[in-house]
């Protein structure tokens, strides 16, 4: 993740991913409503979109809502979600 205002880079583990957002396991969270660029890599490619932090759990992680997902990136996300559900 890259926080857009200060260009701060944060790495974390993604869980609970959906078409609307995901949870990021990180020790150092950012404030709610922080805008960011989110890039998720996995063995079958990379998904990238803008996001916004919608809640935090200090010392544990934060919930991120995806914002304006580009159509090509939505196809990647949908393929991942179908793999996970199947």
PDB file of N, CA and C in Angstrom:
ATOM      1  N   UNK A   1       0.836  -1.165   0.000  1.00  0.00           N
ATOM      2  CA  UNK A   1       0.000   0.000   0.000  1.00  0.00           C
ATOM      3  C   UNK A   1       0.884   1.232   0.000  1.00  0.00           C
ATOM      4  N   UNK A   2       0.393   2.259  -0.680  1.00  0.00           N
ATOM      5  CA  UNK A   2       1.064   3.552  -0.644  1.00  0.00           C
ATOM      6  C   UNK A   2       0.056   4.593  -0.204  1.00  0.00           C
ATOM      7  N   UNK A   3       0.348   5.263   0.897  1.00  0.00           N
ATOM      8  CA  UNK A   3      -0.496   6.353   1.370  1.00  0.00           C
ATOM      9  C   UNK A   3      -0.252   7.522   0.428  1.00  0.00           C
ATOM     10  N   UNK A   4      -1.298   8.066  -0.183  1.00  0.00           N
ATOM     11  CA  UNK A   4      -1.161   8.992  -1.303  1.00  0.00           C
ATOM     12  C   UNK A   4      -0.642  10.373  -0.926  1.00  0.00           C
ATOM     13  N   UNK A   5      -0.920  10.871   0.258  1.00  0.00           N
ATOM     14  CA  UNK A   5      -0.516  12.224   0.623  1.00  0.00           C
ATOM     15  C   UNK A   5       0.978  12.303   0.918  1.00  0.00           C
ATOM     16  N   UNK A   6       1.501  11.365   1.713  1.00  0.00           N
ATOM     17  CA  UNK A   6       2.911  11.410   2.124  1.00  0.00           C
ATOM     18  C   UNK A   6       3.791  10.423   1.371  1.00  0.00           C
ATOM     19  N   UNK A   7       3.187   9.607   0.489  1.00  0.00           N
ATOM     20  CA  UNK A   7       3.908   8.587  -0.272  1.00  0.00           C
ATOM     21  C   UNK A   7       4.553   7.540   0.644  1.00  0.00           C
ATOM     22  N   UNK A   8       3.926   7.274   1.793  1.00  0.00           N
ATOM     23  CA  UNK A   8       4.401   6.264   2.733  1.00  0.00           C
ATOM     24  C   UNK A   8       4.018   4.880   2.225  1.00  0.00           C
ATOM     25  N   UNK A   9       4.981   3.958   2.200  1.00  0.00           N
ATOM     26  CA  UNK A   9       4.745   2.589   1.734  1.00  0.00           C
ATOM     27  C   UNK A   9       4.591   1.657   2.936  1.00  0.00           C
ATOM     28  N   UNK A  10       3.572   0.798   2.882  1.00  0.00           N
ATOM     29  CA  UNK A  10       3.308  -0.162   3.951  1.00  0.00           C
ATOM     30  C   UNK A  10       3.067  -1.526   3.315  1.00  0.00           C
ATOM     31  N   UNK A  11       3.676  -2.556   3.876  1.00  0.00           N
ATOM     32  CA  UNK A  11       3.433  -3.922   3.415  1.00  0.00           C
ATOM     33  C   UNK A  11       2.643  -4.665   4.474  1.00  0.00           C
ATOM     34  N   UNK A  12       1.740  -5.535   4.026  1.00  0.00           N
ATOM     35  CA  UNK A  12       0.945  -6.317   4.954  1.00  0.00           C
ATOM     36  C   UNK A  12       0.393  -7.550   4.271  1.00  0.00           C
ATOM     37  N   UNK A  13      -0.308  -8.357   5.046  1.00  0.00           N
ATOM     38  CA  UNK A  13      -0.932  -9.571   4.518  1.00  0.00           C
ATOM     39  C   UNK A  13      -2.417  -9.302   4.359  1.00  0.00           C
ATOM     40  N   UNK A  14      -2.955  -9.696   3.213  1.00  0.00           N
ATOM     41  CA  UNK A  14      -4.364  -9.463   2.891  1.00  0.00           C
ATOM     42  C   UNK A  14      -5.204 -10.660   3.322  1.00  0.00           C
ATOM     43  N   UNK A  15      -6.374 -10.361   3.904  1.00  0.00           N
ATOM     44  CA  UNK A  15      -7.355 -11.402   4.201  1.00  0.00           C
ATOM     45  C   UNK A  15      -8.743 -10.814   3.980  1.00  0.00           C
ATOM     46  N   UNK A  16      -9.743 -11.678   4.019  1.00  0.00           N
ATOM     47  CA  UNK A  16     -11.137 -11.254   3.875  1.00  0.00           C
ATOM     48  C   UNK A  16     -11.355 -10.374   2.650  1.00  0.00           C
ATOM     49  N   UNK A  17     -10.837 -10.787   1.494  1.00  0.00           N
ATOM     50  CA  UNK A  17     -10.955  -9.981   0.287  1.00  0.00           C
ATOM     51  C   UNK A  17     -12.312 -10.215  -0.384  1.00  0.00           C
ATOM     52  N   UNK A  18     -12.875  -9.135  -0.927  1.00  0.00           N
ATOM     53  CA  UNK A  18     -14.137  -9.199  -1.663  1.00  0.00           C
ATOM     54  C   UNK A  18     -14.098  -8.147  -2.770  1.00  0.00           C
ATOM     55  N   UNK A  19     -15.215  -8.009  -3.486  1.00  0.00           N
ATOM     56  CA  UNK A  19     -15.289  -6.969  -4.510  1.00  0.00           C
ATOM     57  C   UNK A  19     -15.315  -5.569  -3.904  1.00  0.00           C
ATOM     58  N   UNK A  20     -15.637  -5.465  -2.641  1.00  0.00           N
ATOM     59  CA  UNK A  20     -15.753  -4.151  -1.993  1.00  0.00           C
ATOM     60  C   UNK A  20     -14.496  -3.716  -1.265  1.00  0.00           C
ATOM     61  N   UNK A  21     -13.652  -4.680  -0.850  1.00  0.00           N
ATOM     62  CA  UNK A  21     -12.466  -4.312  -0.100  1.00  0.00           C
ATOM     63  C   UNK A  21     -11.785  -5.513   0.511  1.00  0.00           C
ATOM     64  N   UNK A  22     -10.944  -5.241   1.508  1.00  0.00           N
ATOM     65  CA  UNK A  22     -10.187  -6.317   2.143  1.00  0.00           C
ATOM     66  C   UNK A  22      -9.738  -5.867   3.530  1.00  0.00           C
ATOM     67  N   UNK A  23      -9.154  -6.801   4.244  1.00  0.00           N
ATOM     68  CA  UNK A  23      -8.534  -6.518   5.532  1.00  0.00           C
ATOM     69  C   UNK A  23      -7.033  -6.674   5.344  1.00  0.00           C
ATOM     70  N   UNK A  24      -6.259  -5.738   5.890  1.00  0.00           N
ATOM     71  CA  UNK A  24      -4.802  -5.786   5.778  1.00  0.00           C
ATOM     72  C   UNK A  24      -4.222  -5.973   7.172  1.00  0.00           C
ATOM     73  N   UNK A  25      -3.501  -7.079   7.362  1.00  0.00           N
ATOM     74  CA  UNK A  25      -2.825  -7.355   8.629  1.00  0.00           C
ATOM     75  C   UNK A  25      -1.524  -6.552   8.665  1.00  0.00           C
ATOM     76  N   UNK A  26      -1.465  -5.535   9.520  1.00  0.00           N
ATOM     77  CA  UNK A  26      -0.264  -4.719   9.708  1.00  0.00           C
ATOM     78  C   UNK A  26      -0.191  -4.274  11.165  1.00  0.00           C
ATOM     79  N   UNK A  27       1.015  -4.092  11.674  1.00  0.00           N
ATOM     80  CA  UNK A  27       1.176  -3.615  13.046  1.00  0.00           C
ATOM     81  C   UNK A  27       0.905  -2.118  13.143  1.00  0.00           C
ATOM     82  N   UNK A  28       1.401  -1.354  12.169  1.00  0.00           N
ATOM     83  CA  UNK A  28       1.260   0.097  12.193  1.00  0.00           C
ATOM     84  C   UNK A  28       0.145   0.516  11.241  1.00  0.00           C
ATOM     85  N   UNK A  29      -0.989   0.913  11.804  1.00  0.00           N
ATOM     86  CA  UNK A  29      -2.142   1.300  11.002  1.00  0.00           C
ATOM     87  C   UNK A  29      -2.103   2.795  10.675  1.00  0.00           C
ATOM     88  N   UNK A  30      -2.885   3.164   9.691  1.00  0.00           N
ATOM     89  CA  UNK A  30      -3.059   4.562   9.314  1.00  0.00           C
ATOM     90  C   UNK A  30      -4.450   5.013   9.765  1.00  0.00           C
ATOM     91  N   UNK A  31      -4.690   6.311   9.821  1.00  0.00           N
ATOM     92  CA  UNK A  31      -5.995   6.801  10.283  1.00  0.00           C
ATOM     93  C   UNK A  31      -7.143   6.432   9.329  1.00  0.00           C
ATOM     94  N   UNK A  32      -8.344   6.325   9.897  1.00  0.00           N
ATOM     95  CA  UNK A  32      -9.551   6.109   9.106  1.00  0.00           C
ATOM     96  C   UNK A  32      -9.684   7.248   8.092  1.00  0.00           C
ATOM     97  N   UNK A  33     -10.178   6.926   6.903  1.00  0.00           N
ATOM     98  CA  UNK A  33     -10.384   7.842   5.770  1.00  0.00           C
ATOM     99  C   UNK A  33      -9.102   8.177   5.015  1.00  0.00           C
ATOM    100  N   UNK A  34      -7.977   7.542   5.367  1.00  0.00           N
ATOM    101  CA  UNK A  34      -6.744   7.787   4.626  1.00  0.00           C
ATOM    102  C   UNK A  34      -6.867   7.202   3.218  1.00  0.00           C
ATOM    103  N   UNK A  35      -6.632   8.023   2.172  1.00  0.00           N
ATOM    104  CA  UNK A  35      -6.648   7.497   0.802  1.00  0.00           C
ATOM    105  C   UNK A  35      -5.334   6.780   0.498  1.00  0.00           C
ATOM    106  N   UNK A  36      -5.398   5.746  -0.342  1.00  0.00           N
ATOM    107  CA  UNK A  36      -4.186   4.989  -0.656  1.00  0.00           C
ATOM    108  C   UNK A  36      -4.279   4.345  -2.029  1.00  0.00           C
ATOM    109  N   UNK A  37      -3.141   3.929  -2.529  1.00  0.00           N
ATOM    110  CA  UNK A  37      -3.052   3.065  -3.696  1.00  0.00           C
ATOM    111  C   UNK A  37      -2.690   1.694  -3.168  1.00  0.00           C
ATOM    112  N   UNK A  38      -3.485   0.703  -3.514  1.00  0.00           N
ATOM    113  CA  UNK A  38      -3.304  -0.642  -2.995  1.00  0.00           C
ATOM    114  C   UNK A  38      -2.902  -1.569  -4.139  1.00  0.00           C
ATOM    115  N   UNK A  39      -1.836  -2.317  -3.954  1.00  0.00           N
ATOM    116  CA  UNK A  39      -1.401  -3.310  -4.924  1.00  0.00           C
ATOM    117  C   UNK A  39      -1.273  -4.644  -4.205  1.00  0.00           C
ATOM    118  N   UNK A  40      -2.008  -5.637  -4.711  1.00  0.00           N
ATOM    119  CA  UNK A  40      -1.997  -6.970  -4.116  1.00  0.00           C
ATOM    120  C   UNK A  40      -1.370  -7.918  -5.120  1.00  0.00           C
ATOM    121  N   UNK A  41      -0.319  -8.612  -4.693  1.00  0.00           N
ATOM    122  CA  UNK A  41       0.362  -9.576  -5.567  1.00  0.00           C
ATOM    123  C   UNK A  41       0.090 -10.978  -5.082  1.00  0.00           C
ATOM    124  N   UNK A  42      -0.105 -11.859  -6.034  1.00  0.00           N
ATOM    125  CA  UNK A  42      -0.231 -13.280  -5.719  1.00  0.00           C
ATOM    126  C   UNK A  42       0.336 -14.044  -6.893  1.00  0.00           C
ATOM    127  N   UNK A  43       0.470 -15.340  -6.762  1.00  0.00           N
ATOM    128  CA  UNK A  43       1.157 -16.127  -7.786  1.00  0.00           C
ATOM    129  C   UNK A  43       0.571 -15.954  -9.181  1.00  0.00           C
ATOM    130  N   UNK A  44      -0.719 -15.627  -9.287  1.00  0.00           N
ATOM    131  CA  UNK A  44      -1.334 -15.504 -10.610  1.00  0.00           C
ATOM    132  C   UNK A  44      -1.494 -14.054 -11.057  1.00  0.00           C
ATOM    133  N   UNK A  45      -0.667 -13.149 -10.542  1.00  0.00           N
ATOM    134  CA  UNK A  45      -0.709 -11.781 -11.030  1.00  0.00           C
ATOM    135  C   UNK A  45      -0.803 -10.729  -9.946  1.00  0.00           C
ATOM    136  N   UNK A  46      -1.167  -9.517 -10.382  1.00  0.00           N
ATOM    137  CA  UNK A  46      -1.224  -8.360  -9.498  1.00  0.00           C
ATOM    138  C   UNK A  46      -2.529  -7.605  -9.729  1.00  0.00           C
ATOM    139  N   UNK A  47      -3.141  -7.166  -8.635  1.00  0.00           N
ATOM    140  CA  UNK A  47      -4.354  -6.359  -8.655  1.00  0.00           C
ATOM    141  C   UNK A  47      -4.014  -5.012  -8.043  1.00  0.00           C
ATOM    142  N   UNK A  48      -4.424  -3.914  -8.688  1.00  0.00           N
ATOM    143  CA  UNK A  48      -4.100  -2.587  -8.188  1.00  0.00           C
ATOM    144  C   UNK A  48      -5.312  -1.666  -8.301  1.00  0.00           C
ATOM    145  N   UNK A  49      -5.594  -0.933  -7.237  1.00  0.00           N
ATOM    146  CA  UNK A  49      -6.710   0.011  -7.227  1.00  0.00           C
ATOM    147  C   UNK A  49      -6.502   1.037  -6.130  1.00  0.00           C
ATOM    148  N   UNK A  50      -7.281   2.097  -6.195  1.00  0.00           N
ATOM    149  CA  UNK A  50      -7.287   3.059  -5.093  1.00  0.00           C
ATOM    150  C   UNK A  50      -8.165   2.511  -3.986  1.00  0.00           C
ATOM    151  N   UNK A  51      -7.886   2.944  -2.759  1.00  0.00           N
ATOM    152  CA  UNK A  51      -8.663   2.504  -1.619  1.00  0.00           C
ATOM    153  C   UNK A  51      -8.730   3.572  -0.553  1.00  0.00           C
ATOM    154  N   UNK A  52      -9.518   3.270   0.483  1.00  0.00           N
ATOM    155  CA  UNK A  52      -9.680   4.179   1.609  1.00  0.00           C
ATOM    156  C   UNK A  52      -9.837   3.341   2.862  1.00  0.00           C
ATOM    157  N   UNK A  53      -9.144   3.707   3.916  1.00  0.00           N
ATOM    158  CA  UNK A  53      -9.243   2.974   5.176  1.00  0.00           C
ATOM    159  C   UNK A  53     -10.597   3.279   5.816  1.00  0.00           C
ATOM    160  N   UNK A  54     -11.351   2.215   6.139  1.00  0.00           N
ATOM    161  CA  UNK A  54     -12.679   2.420   6.713  1.00  0.00           C
ATOM    162  C   UNK A  54     -12.748   2.070   8.204  1.00  0.00           C
ATOM    163  N   UNK A  55     -11.795   1.276   8.695  1.00  0.00           N
ATOM    164  CA  UNK A  55     -11.710   1.035  10.145  1.00  0.00           C
ATOM    165  C   UNK A  55     -10.324   0.513  10.472  1.00  0.00           C
ATOM    166  N   UNK A  56      -9.928   0.672  11.735  1.00  0.00           N
ATOM    167  CA  UNK A  56      -8.628   0.161  12.175  1.00  0.00           C
ATOM    168  C   UNK A  56      -8.795  -0.667  13.441  1.00  0.00           C
ATOM    169  N   UNK A  57      -7.881  -1.595  13.626  1.00  0.00           N
ATOM    170  CA  UNK A  57      -7.722  -2.337  14.865  1.00  0.00           C
ATOM    171  C   UNK A  57      -6.261  -2.126  15.261  1.00  0.00           C
ATOM    172  N   UNK A  58      -5.989  -1.167  16.164  1.00  0.00           N
ATOM    173  CA  UNK A  58      -4.612  -0.808  16.497  1.00  0.00           C
ATOM    174  C   UNK A  58      -3.746  -2.031  16.819  1.00  0.00           C
ATOM    175  N   UNK A  59      -2.566  -2.073  16.210  1.00  0.00           N
ATOM    176  CA  UNK A  59      -1.634  -3.161  16.431  1.00  0.00           C
ATOM    177  C   UNK A  59      -1.989  -4.452  15.722  1.00  0.00           C
ATOM    178  N   UNK A  60      -3.100  -4.459  14.977  1.00  0.00           N
ATOM    179  CA  UNK A  60      -3.536  -5.684  14.297  1.00  0.00           C
ATOM    180  C   UNK A  60      -3.731  -5.493  12.789  1.00  0.00           C
ATOM    181  N   UNK A  61      -4.436  -4.437  12.402  1.00  0.00           N
ATOM    182  CA  UNK A  61      -4.682  -4.240  10.985  1.00  0.00           C
ATOM    183  C   UNK A  61      -5.767  -3.221  10.720  1.00  0.00           C
ATOM    184  N   UNK A  62      -6.199  -3.179   9.449  1.00  0.00           N
ATOM    185  CA  UNK A  62      -7.194  -2.196   9.052  1.00  0.00           C
ATOM    186  C   UNK A  62      -8.030  -2.693   7.886  1.00  0.00           C
ATOM    187  N   UNK A  63      -9.265  -2.213   7.845  1.00  0.00           N
ATOM    188  CA  UNK A  63     -10.169  -2.521   6.753  1.00  0.00           C
ATOM    189  C   UNK A  63     -10.033  -1.476   5.670  1.00  0.00           C
ATOM    190  N   UNK A  64      -9.947  -1.924   4.434  1.00  0.00           N
ATOM    191  CA  UNK A  64      -9.778  -1.026   3.298  1.00  0.00           C
ATOM    192  C   UNK A  64     -10.922  -1.242   2.315  1.00  0.00           C
ATOM    193  N   UNK A  65     -11.581  -0.153   1.938  1.00  0.00           N
ATOM    194  CA  UNK A  65     -12.610  -0.207   0.897  1.00  0.00           C
ATOM    195  C   UNK A  65     -11.959   0.149  -0.428  1.00  0.00           C
ATOM    196  N   UNK A  66     -12.230  -0.639  -1.463  1.00  0.00           N
ATOM    197  CA  UNK A  66     -11.722  -0.325  -2.790  1.00  0.00           C
ATOM    198  C   UNK A  66     -12.516   0.844  -3.360  1.00  0.00           C
ATOM    199  N   UNK A  67     -11.838   1.727  -4.107  1.00  0.00           N
ATOM    200  CA  UNK A  67     -12.470   2.916  -4.674  1.00  0.00           C
ATOM    201  C   UNK A  67     -12.192   2.960  -6.174  1.00  0.00           C
ATOM    202  N   UNK A  68     -13.255   3.085  -6.971  1.00  0.00           N
ATOM    203  CA  UNK A  68     -13.125   3.246  -8.430  1.00  0.00           C
ATOM    204  C   UNK A  68     -12.178   2.216  -9.054  1.00  0.00           C
ATOM    205  N   UNK A  69     -12.502   0.946  -8.902  1.00  0.00           N
ATOM    206  CA  UNK A  69     -11.659  -0.122  -9.463  1.00  0.00           C
ATOM    207  C   UNK A  69     -11.706  -0.048 -10.986  1.00  0.00           C
ATOM    208  N   UNK A  70     -10.554   0.063 -11.664  1.00  0.00           N
ATOM    209  CA  UNK A  70     -10.548   0.036 -13.127  1.00  0.00           C
ATOM    210  C   UNK A  70     -11.085  -1.308 -13.638  1.00  0.00           C
ATOM    211  N   UNK A  71     -11.738  -1.289 -14.794  1.00  0.00           N
ATOM    212  CA  UNK A  71     -12.388  -2.484 -15.342  1.00  0.00           C
ATOM    213  C   UNK A  71     -11.414  -3.647 -15.509  1.00  0.00           C
ATOM    214  N   UNK A  72     -10.202  -3.370 -15.992  1.00  0.00           N
ATOM    215  CA  UNK A  72      -9.236  -4.456 -16.189  1.00  0.00           C
ATOM    216  C   UNK A  72      -8.820  -5.073 -14.861  1.00  0.00           C
ATOM    217  N   UNK A  73      -8.743  -4.248 -13.812  1.00  0.00           N
ATOM    218  CA  UNK A  73      -8.373  -4.750 -12.490  1.00  0.00           C
ATOM    219  C   UNK A  73      -9.525  -5.524 -11.854  1.00  0.00           C
ATOM    220  N   UNK A  74     -10.761  -5.101 -12.138  1.00  0.00           N
ATOM    221  CA  UNK A  74     -11.928  -5.816 -11.619  1.00  0.00           C
ATOM    222  C   UNK A  74     -11.990  -7.235 -12.186  1.00  0.00           C
ATOM    223  N   UNK A  75     -11.577  -7.405 -13.432  1.00  0.00           N
ATOM    224  CA  UNK A  75     -11.534  -8.745 -14.034  1.00  0.00           C
ATOM    225  C   UNK A  75     -10.548  -9.641 -13.281  1.00  0.00           C
ATOM    226  N   UNK A  76      -9.391  -9.076 -12.926  1.00  0.00           N
ATOM    227  CA  UNK A  76      -8.390  -9.837 -12.165  1.00  0.00           C
ATOM    228  C   UNK A  76      -8.960 -10.225 -10.807  1.00  0.00           C
ATOM    229  N   UNK A  77      -9.558  -9.261 -10.115  1.00  0.00           N
ATOM    230  CA  UNK A  77     -10.131  -9.523  -8.793  1.00  0.00           C
ATOM    231  C   UNK A  77     -11.222 -10.588  -8.882  1.00  0.00           C
ATOM    232  N   UNK A  78     -12.103 -10.467  -9.865  1.00  0.00           N
ATOM    233  CA  UNK A  78     -13.186 -11.457 -10.026  1.00  0.00           C
ATOM    234  C   UNK A  78     -12.629 -12.852 -10.272  1.00  0.00           C
ATOM    235  N   UNK A  79     -11.564 -12.954 -11.052  1.00  0.00           N
ATOM    236  CA  UNK A  79     -10.981 -14.285 -11.310  1.00  0.00           C
ATOM    237  C   UNK A  79     -10.402 -14.865 -10.020  1.00  0.00           C
ATOM    238  N   UNK A  80      -9.761 -14.026  -9.203  1.00  0.00           N
ATOM    239  CA  UNK A  80      -9.230 -14.494  -7.916  1.00  0.00           C
ATOM    240  C   UNK A  80     -10.355 -14.951  -7.005  1.00  0.00           C
ATOM    241  N   UNK A  81     -11.419 -14.169  -6.937  1.00  0.00           N
ATOM    242  CA  UNK A  81     -12.533 -14.512  -6.054  1.00  0.00           C
ATOM    243  C   UNK A  81     -13.202 -15.803  -6.491  1.00  0.00           C
ATOM    244  N   UNK A  82     -13.306 -16.039  -7.796  1.00  0.00           N
ATOM    245  CA  UNK A  82     -13.906 -17.294  -8.263  1.00  0.00           C
ATOM    246  C   UNK A  82     -13.000 -18.473  -7.931  1.00  0.00           C
ATOM    247  N   UNK A  83     -11.687 -18.286  -7.977  1.00  0.00           N
ATOM    248  CA  UNK A  83     -10.758 -19.349  -7.577  1.00  0.00           C
ATOM    249  C   UNK A  83     -10.911 -19.662  -6.091  1.00  0.00           C
ATOM    250  N   UNK A  84     -11.039 -18.619  -5.283  1.00  0.00           N
ATOM    251  CA  UNK A  84     -11.140 -18.810  -3.834  1.00  0.00           C
ATOM    252  C   UNK A  84     -12.440 -19.469  -3.413  1.00  0.00           C
ATOM    253  N   UNK A  85     -13.519 -19.164  -4.146  1.00  0.00           N
ATOM    254  CA  UNK A  85     -14.814 -19.749  -3.776  1.00  0.00           C
ATOM    255  C   UNK A  85     -15.013 -21.144  -4.358  1.00  0.00           C
ATOM    256  N   UNK A  86     -14.233 -21.481  -5.380  1.00  0.00           N
ATOM    257  CA  UNK A  86     -14.407 -22.771  -6.033  1.00  0.00           C
ATOM    258  C   UNK A  86     -13.438 -23.755  -5.527  1.00  0.00           C
TER     259      UNK A  86
END
